[in-house]
C-alpha atoms as a PDB file:
ATOM      1  CA  UNK A   1    -274.385 -73.689  94.496  1.00  0.00           C
ATOM      2  CA  UNK A   2    -274.138 -70.592  92.124  1.00  0.00           C
ATOM      3  CA  UNK A   3    -275.949 -70.894  88.805  1.00  0.00           C
ATOM      4  CA  UNK A   4    -273.277 -70.768  86.288  1.00  0.00           C
ATOM      5  CA  UNK A   5    -275.933 -68.808  83.803  1.00  0.00           C
ATOM      6  CA  UNK A   6    -277.002 -65.999  86.131  1.00  0.00           C
ATOM      7  CA  UNK A   7    -274.989 -66.510  89.222  1.00  0.00           C
ATOM      8  CA  UNK A   8    -278.031 -66.949  91.413  1.00  0.00           C
ATOM      9  CA  UNK A   9    -277.243 -68.532  94.783  1.00  0.00           C
ATOM     10  CA  UNK A  10    -280.320 -70.781  94.869  1.00  0.00           C
ATOM     11  CA  UNK A  11    -280.828 -73.978  92.873  1.00  0.00           C
ATOM     12  CA  UNK A  12    -282.673 -76.957  93.590  1.00  0.00           C
ATOM     13  CA  UNK A  13    -281.728 -80.704  92.947  1.00  0.00           C
ATOM     14  CA  UNK A  14    -283.664 -82.309  90.645  1.00  0.00           C
ATOM     15  CA  UNK A  15    -281.970 -85.766  90.239  1.00  0.00           C
ATOM     16  CA  UNK A  16    -279.144 -87.382  92.254  1.00  0.00           C
ATOM     17  CA  UNK A  17    -277.212 -90.422  91.278  1.00  0.00           C
ATOM     18  CA  UNK A  18    -273.859 -92.228  91.837  1.00  0.00           C
ATOM     19  CA  UNK A  19    -271.304 -91.643  89.488  1.00  0.00           C
ATOM     20  CA  UNK A  20    -269.201 -94.581  90.782  1.00  0.00           C
ATOM     21  CA  UNK A  21    -266.760 -94.488  87.928  1.00  0.00           C
ATOM     22  CA  UNK A  22    -265.839 -90.797  88.967  1.00  0.00           C
ATOM     23  CA  UNK A  23    -265.983 -91.822  92.911  1.00  0.00           C
ATOM     24  CA  UNK A  24    -268.713 -88.969  93.170  1.00  0.00           C
ATOM     25  CA  UNK A  25    -272.235 -87.906  93.228  1.00  0.00           C
ATOM     26  CA  UNK A  26    -273.868 -86.646  90.231  1.00  0.00           C
ATOM     27  CA  UNK A  27    -276.462 -83.852  90.872  1.00  0.00           C
ATOM     28  CA  UNK A  28    -278.872 -82.350  88.347  1.00  0.00           C
ATOM     29  CA  UNK A  29    -279.631 -79.001  89.306  1.00  0.00           C
ATOM     30  CA  UNK A  30    -282.262 -76.181  88.288  1.00  0.00           C
ATOM     31  CA  UNK A  31    -281.863 -72.589  88.997  1.00  0.00           C
ATOM     32  CA  UNK A  32    -284.694 -71.020  90.924  1.00  0.00           C
ATOM     33  CA  UNK A  33    -284.291 -67.859  88.991  1.00  0.00           C
ATOM     34  CA  UNK A  34    -283.446 -68.364  85.244  1.00  0.00           C
ATOM     35  CA  UNK A  35    -284.821 -72.040  85.601  1.00  0.00           C
ATOM     36  CA  UNK A  36    -281.858 -73.508  83.661  1.00  0.00           C
ATOM     37  CA  UNK A  37    -280.369 -76.915  84.489  1.00  0.00           C
ATOM     38  CA  UNK A  38    -276.956 -77.784  85.066  1.00  0.00           C
ATOM     39  CA  UNK A  39    -275.133 -80.753  86.388  1.00  0.00           C
ATOM     40  CA  UNK A  40    -272.657 -80.685  89.546  1.00  0.00           C
ATOM     41  CA  UNK A  41    -270.372 -83.578  91.015  1.00  0.00           C
ATOM     42  CA  UNK A  42    -269.999 -83.881  94.775  1.00  0.00           C
ATOM     43  CA  UNK A  43    -266.654 -85.700  95.680  1.00  0.00           C
ATOM     44  CA  UNK A  44    -265.026 -86.299  99.075  1.00  0.00           C
ATOM     45  CA  UNK A  45    -262.007 -83.771  99.667  1.00  0.00           C
ATOM     46  CA  UNK A  46    -259.259 -85.288 101.380  1.00  0.00           C
ATOM     47  CA  UNK A  47    -256.249 -83.210 101.721  1.00  0.00           C
ATOM     48  CA  UNK A  48    -253.427 -83.943  99.181  1.00  0.00           C
ATOM     49  CA  UNK A  49    -250.123 -81.980  98.819  1.00  0.00           C
ATOM     50  CA  UNK A  50    -248.115 -81.657  95.761  1.00  0.00           C
ATOM     51  CA  UNK A  51    -244.404 -81.113  96.174  1.00  0.00           C
ATOM     52  CA  UNK A  52    -243.295 -78.734  93.312  1.00  0.00           C
ATOM     53  CA  UNK A  53    -239.829 -79.167  91.498  1.00  0.00           C
ATOM     54  CA  UNK A  54    -238.749 -76.037  93.527  1.00  0.00           C
ATOM     55  CA  UNK A  55    -239.315 -77.923  96.931  1.00  0.00           C
ATOM     56  CA  UNK A  56    -242.356 -76.051  97.605  1.00  0.00           C
ATOM     57  CA  UNK A  57    -245.878 -77.636  98.603  1.00  0.00           C
ATOM     58  CA  UNK A  58    -249.306 -76.843  96.942  1.00  0.00           C
ATOM     59  CA  UNK A  59    -252.860 -78.367  97.724  1.00  0.00           C
ATOM     60  CA  UNK A  60    -253.837 -80.684  94.980  1.00  0.00           C
ATOM     61  CA  UNK A  61    -256.318 -78.968  92.867  1.00  0.00           C
ATOM     62  CA  UNK A  62    -258.251 -81.385  90.638  1.00  0.00           C
ATOM     63  CA  UNK A  63    -259.500 -78.666  88.363  1.00  0.00           C
ATOM     64  CA  UNK A  64    -255.793 -77.634  87.829  1.00  0.00           C
ATOM     65  CA  UNK A  65    -255.151 -81.347  86.854  1.00  0.00           C
ATOM     66  CA  UNK A  66    -258.210 -81.087  84.266  1.00  0.00           C
ATOM     67  CA  UNK A  67    -257.147 -77.784  82.763  1.00  0.00           C
ATOM     68  CA  UNK A  68    -253.763 -79.189  82.100  1.00  0.00           C
ATOM     69  CA  UNK A  69    -255.076 -82.246  80.478  1.00  0.00           C
ATOM     70  CA  UNK A  70    -257.872 -80.268  78.642  1.00  0.00           C
ATOM     71  CA  UNK A  71    -255.015 -78.126  77.029  1.00  0.00           C
ATOM     72  CA  UNK A  72    -253.232 -81.400  75.710  1.00  0.00           C
ATOM     73  CA  UNK A  73    -256.378 -82.761  74.576  1.00  0.00           C
ATOM     74  CA  UNK A  74    -257.653 -79.845  72.751  1.00  0.00           C
ATOM     75  CA  UNK A  75    -258.881 -80.736  69.122  1.00  0.00           C
ATOM     76  CA  UNK A  76    -258.154 -84.552  69.765  1.00  0.00           C
ATOM     77  CA  UNK A  77    -260.885 -87.239  70.113  1.00  0.00           C
ATOM     78  CA  UNK A  78    -260.782 -86.901  73.885  1.00  0.00           C
ATOM     79  CA  UNK A  79    -263.801 -85.394  75.437  1.00  0.00           C
ATOM     80  CA  UNK A  80    -264.033 -83.031  78.247  1.00  0.00           C
ATOM     81  CA  UNK A  81    -265.954 -85.625  80.166  1.00  0.00           C
ATOM     82  CA  UNK A  82    -262.948 -88.138  79.607  1.00  0.00           C
ATOM     83  CA  UNK A  83    -260.585 -85.774  80.910  1.00  0.00           C
ATOM     84  CA  UNK A  84    -262.574 -85.403  84.001  1.00  0.00           C
ATOM     85  CA  UNK A  85    -262.965 -89.084  84.317  1.00  0.00           C
ATOM     86  CA  UNK A  86    -259.110 -89.479  84.123  1.00  0.00           C
ATOM     87  CA  UNK A  87    -258.793 -86.779  86.751  1.00  0.00           C
ATOM     88  CA  UNK A  88    -261.284 -88.480  89.079  1.00  0.00           C
ATOM     89  CA  UNK A  89    -259.635 -91.866  88.643  1.00  0.00           C
ATOM     90  CA  UNK A  90    -256.051 -90.420  89.312  1.00  0.00           C
ATOM     91  CA  UNK A  91    -257.364 -88.664  92.380  1.00  0.00           C
ATOM     92  CA  UNK A  92    -259.306 -91.613  93.711  1.00  0.00           C
ATOM     93  CA  UNK A  93    -256.411 -93.984  92.910  1.00  0.00           C
ATOM     94  CA  UNK A  94    -254.251 -91.751  95.244  1.00  0.00           C
ATOM     95  CA  UNK A  95    -256.851 -91.479  98.063  1.00  0.00           C
ATOM     96  CA  UNK A  96    -257.455 -95.247  98.071  1.00  0.00           C
ATOM     97  CA  UNK A  97    -253.728 -95.930  98.459  1.00  0.00           C
ATOM     98  CA  UNK A  98    -253.809 -93.288 101.373  1.00  0.00           C
ATOM     99  CA  UNK A  99    -251.307 -90.975  99.541  1.00  0.00           C
ATOM    100  CA  UNK A 100    -251.020 -87.579 101.317  1.00  0.00           C
ATOM    101  CA  UNK A 101    -247.979 -85.999  99.388  1.00  0.00           C
ATOM    102  CA  UNK A 102    -246.956 -86.490  95.882  1.00  0.00           C
ATOM    103  CA  UNK A 103    -244.452 -84.976  93.735  1.00  0.00           C
ATOM    104  CA  UNK A 104    -245.291 -83.157  90.769  1.00  0.00           C
ATOM    105  CA  UNK A 105    -242.830 -85.562  88.862  1.00  0.00           C
ATOM    106  CA  UNK A 106    -244.960 -88.506  89.960  1.00  0.00           C
ATOM    107  CA  UNK A 107    -248.139 -86.935  89.404  1.00  0.00           C
ATOM    108  CA  UNK A 108    -247.028 -86.155  85.959  1.00  0.00           C
ATOM    109  CA  UNK A 109    -245.767 -89.554  85.245  1.00  0.00           C
ATOM    110  CA  UNK A 110    -249.499 -90.732  86.283  1.00  0.00           C
ATOM    111  CA  UNK A 111    -250.976 -88.458  83.738  1.00  0.00           C
ATOM    112  CA  UNK A 112    -248.528 -89.332  81.151  1.00  0.00           C
ATOM    113  CA  UNK A 113    -249.455 -93.016  81.446  1.00  0.00           C
ATOM    114  CA  UNK A 114    -253.173 -92.203  81.212  1.00  0.00           C
ATOM    115  CA  UNK A 115    -252.851 -90.149  78.227  1.00  0.00           C
ATOM    116  CA  UNK A 116    -250.672 -92.420  76.491  1.00  0.00           C
ATOM    117  CA  UNK A 117    -253.302 -95.074  76.698  1.00  0.00           C
ATOM    118  CA  UNK A 118    -256.069 -92.586  75.601  1.00  0.00           C
ATOM    119  CA  UNK A 119    -254.522 -90.611  72.784  1.00  0.00           C
ATOM    120  CA  UNK A 120    -251.088 -90.476  71.562  1.00  0.00           C
ATOM    121  CA  UNK A 121    -251.406 -86.807  70.253  1.00  0.00           C
ATOM    122  CA  UNK A 122    -252.674 -85.681  73.630  1.00  0.00           C
ATOM    123  CA  UNK A 123    -249.871 -87.644  75.318  1.00  0.00           C
ATOM    124  CA  UNK A 124    -247.066 -85.921  73.101  1.00  0.00           C
ATOM    125  CA  UNK A 125    -248.513 -82.489  73.760  1.00  0.00           C
ATOM    126  CA  UNK A 126    -248.757 -83.064  77.518  1.00  0.00           C
ATOM    127  CA  UNK A 127    -245.186 -84.566  77.433  1.00  0.00           C
ATOM    128  CA  UNK A 128    -243.599 -81.296  75.652  1.00  0.00           C
ATOM    129  CA  UNK A 129    -244.673 -79.493  78.638  1.00  0.00           C
ATOM    130  CA  UNK A 130    -244.279 -81.917  81.311  1.00  0.00           C
ATOM    131  CA  UNK A 131    -240.758 -83.166  80.327  1.00  0.00           C
ATOM    132  CA  UNK A 132    -239.674 -79.632  78.989  1.00  0.00           C
ATOM    133  CA  UNK A 133    -238.331 -80.729  75.700  1.00  0.00           C
ATOM    134  CA  UNK A 134    -235.464 -78.471  74.818  1.00  0.00           C
ATOM    135  CA  UNK A 135    -235.347 -78.921  71.396  1.00  0.00           C
ATOM    136  CA  UNK A 136    -236.989 -80.866  68.169  1.00  0.00           C
ATOM    137  CA  UNK A 137    -234.563 -83.713  68.766  1.00  0.00           C
ATOM    138  CA  UNK A 138    -236.096 -84.467  72.125  1.00  0.00           C
ATOM    139  CA  UNK A 139    -239.622 -84.429  70.880  1.00  0.00           C
ATOM    140  CA  UNK A 140    -238.617 -86.659  67.726  1.00  0.00           C
ATOM    141  CA  UNK A 141    -236.973 -89.013  70.102  1.00  0.00           C
ATOM    142  CA  UNK A 142    -240.178 -89.257  72.252  1.00  0.00           C
ATOM    143  CA  UNK A 143    -242.323 -89.929  69.109  1.00  0.00           C
ATOM    144  CA  UNK A 144    -239.873 -92.568  67.996  1.00  0.00           C
ATOM    145  CA  UNK A 145    -240.190 -94.240  71.367  1.00  0.00           C
ATOM    146  CA  UNK A 146    -243.899 -94.124  71.059  1.00  0.00           C
ATOM    147  CA  UNK A 147    -243.747 -95.697  67.682  1.00  0.00           C
ATOM    148  CA  UNK A 148    -241.428 -98.318  68.753  1.00  0.00           C
ATOM    149  CA  UNK A 149    -243.869 -99.125  71.715  1.00  0.00           C
ATOM    150  CA  UNK A 150    -246.584 -99.399  69.263  1.00  0.00           C
ATOM    151  CA  UNK A 151    -244.681-101.509  66.994  1.00  0.00           C
ATOM    152  CA  UNK A 152    -244.069-103.883  69.785  1.00  0.00           C
ATOM    153  CA  UNK A 153    -247.594-104.151  70.806  1.00  0.00           C
ATOM    154  CA  UNK A 154    -248.742-104.651  67.198  1.00  0.00           C
ATOM    155  CA  UNK A 155    -246.508-107.775  67.092  1.00  0.00           C
ATOM    156  CA  UNK A 156    -247.487-109.107  70.655  1.00  0.00           C
END
């Protein structure tokens, strides 16, 4: 494991514990060269393929999912740790179901669902890219639908 500060390859594990909510092992490490500490997460990596809109397949990369959600969540109340937790939950749910292949559309729908429950601004930002709104009317329609859902939930 390379140190993120000095790029040294030697580090020692100072603490290790389960991160059950992330389906991972959290390891606290210390660089043997610069002595700085950092955290890593160890997860099981099962092959998952994403079928893109053009019909090609790509390996599922959790970091790519995290980057996309981070972009949508920038300058909102959603922290990077929350984004990571959502990404881990999505991946672990897919693994638990035994999914080996998922379309980018299905994956996007799952992310949309999680972001809608987490932060509406992040949801709208992600939806703009994911749903490829063509004009302002489509964006306003998505916001109106969201407001209608919130009104329904408020009256229940």
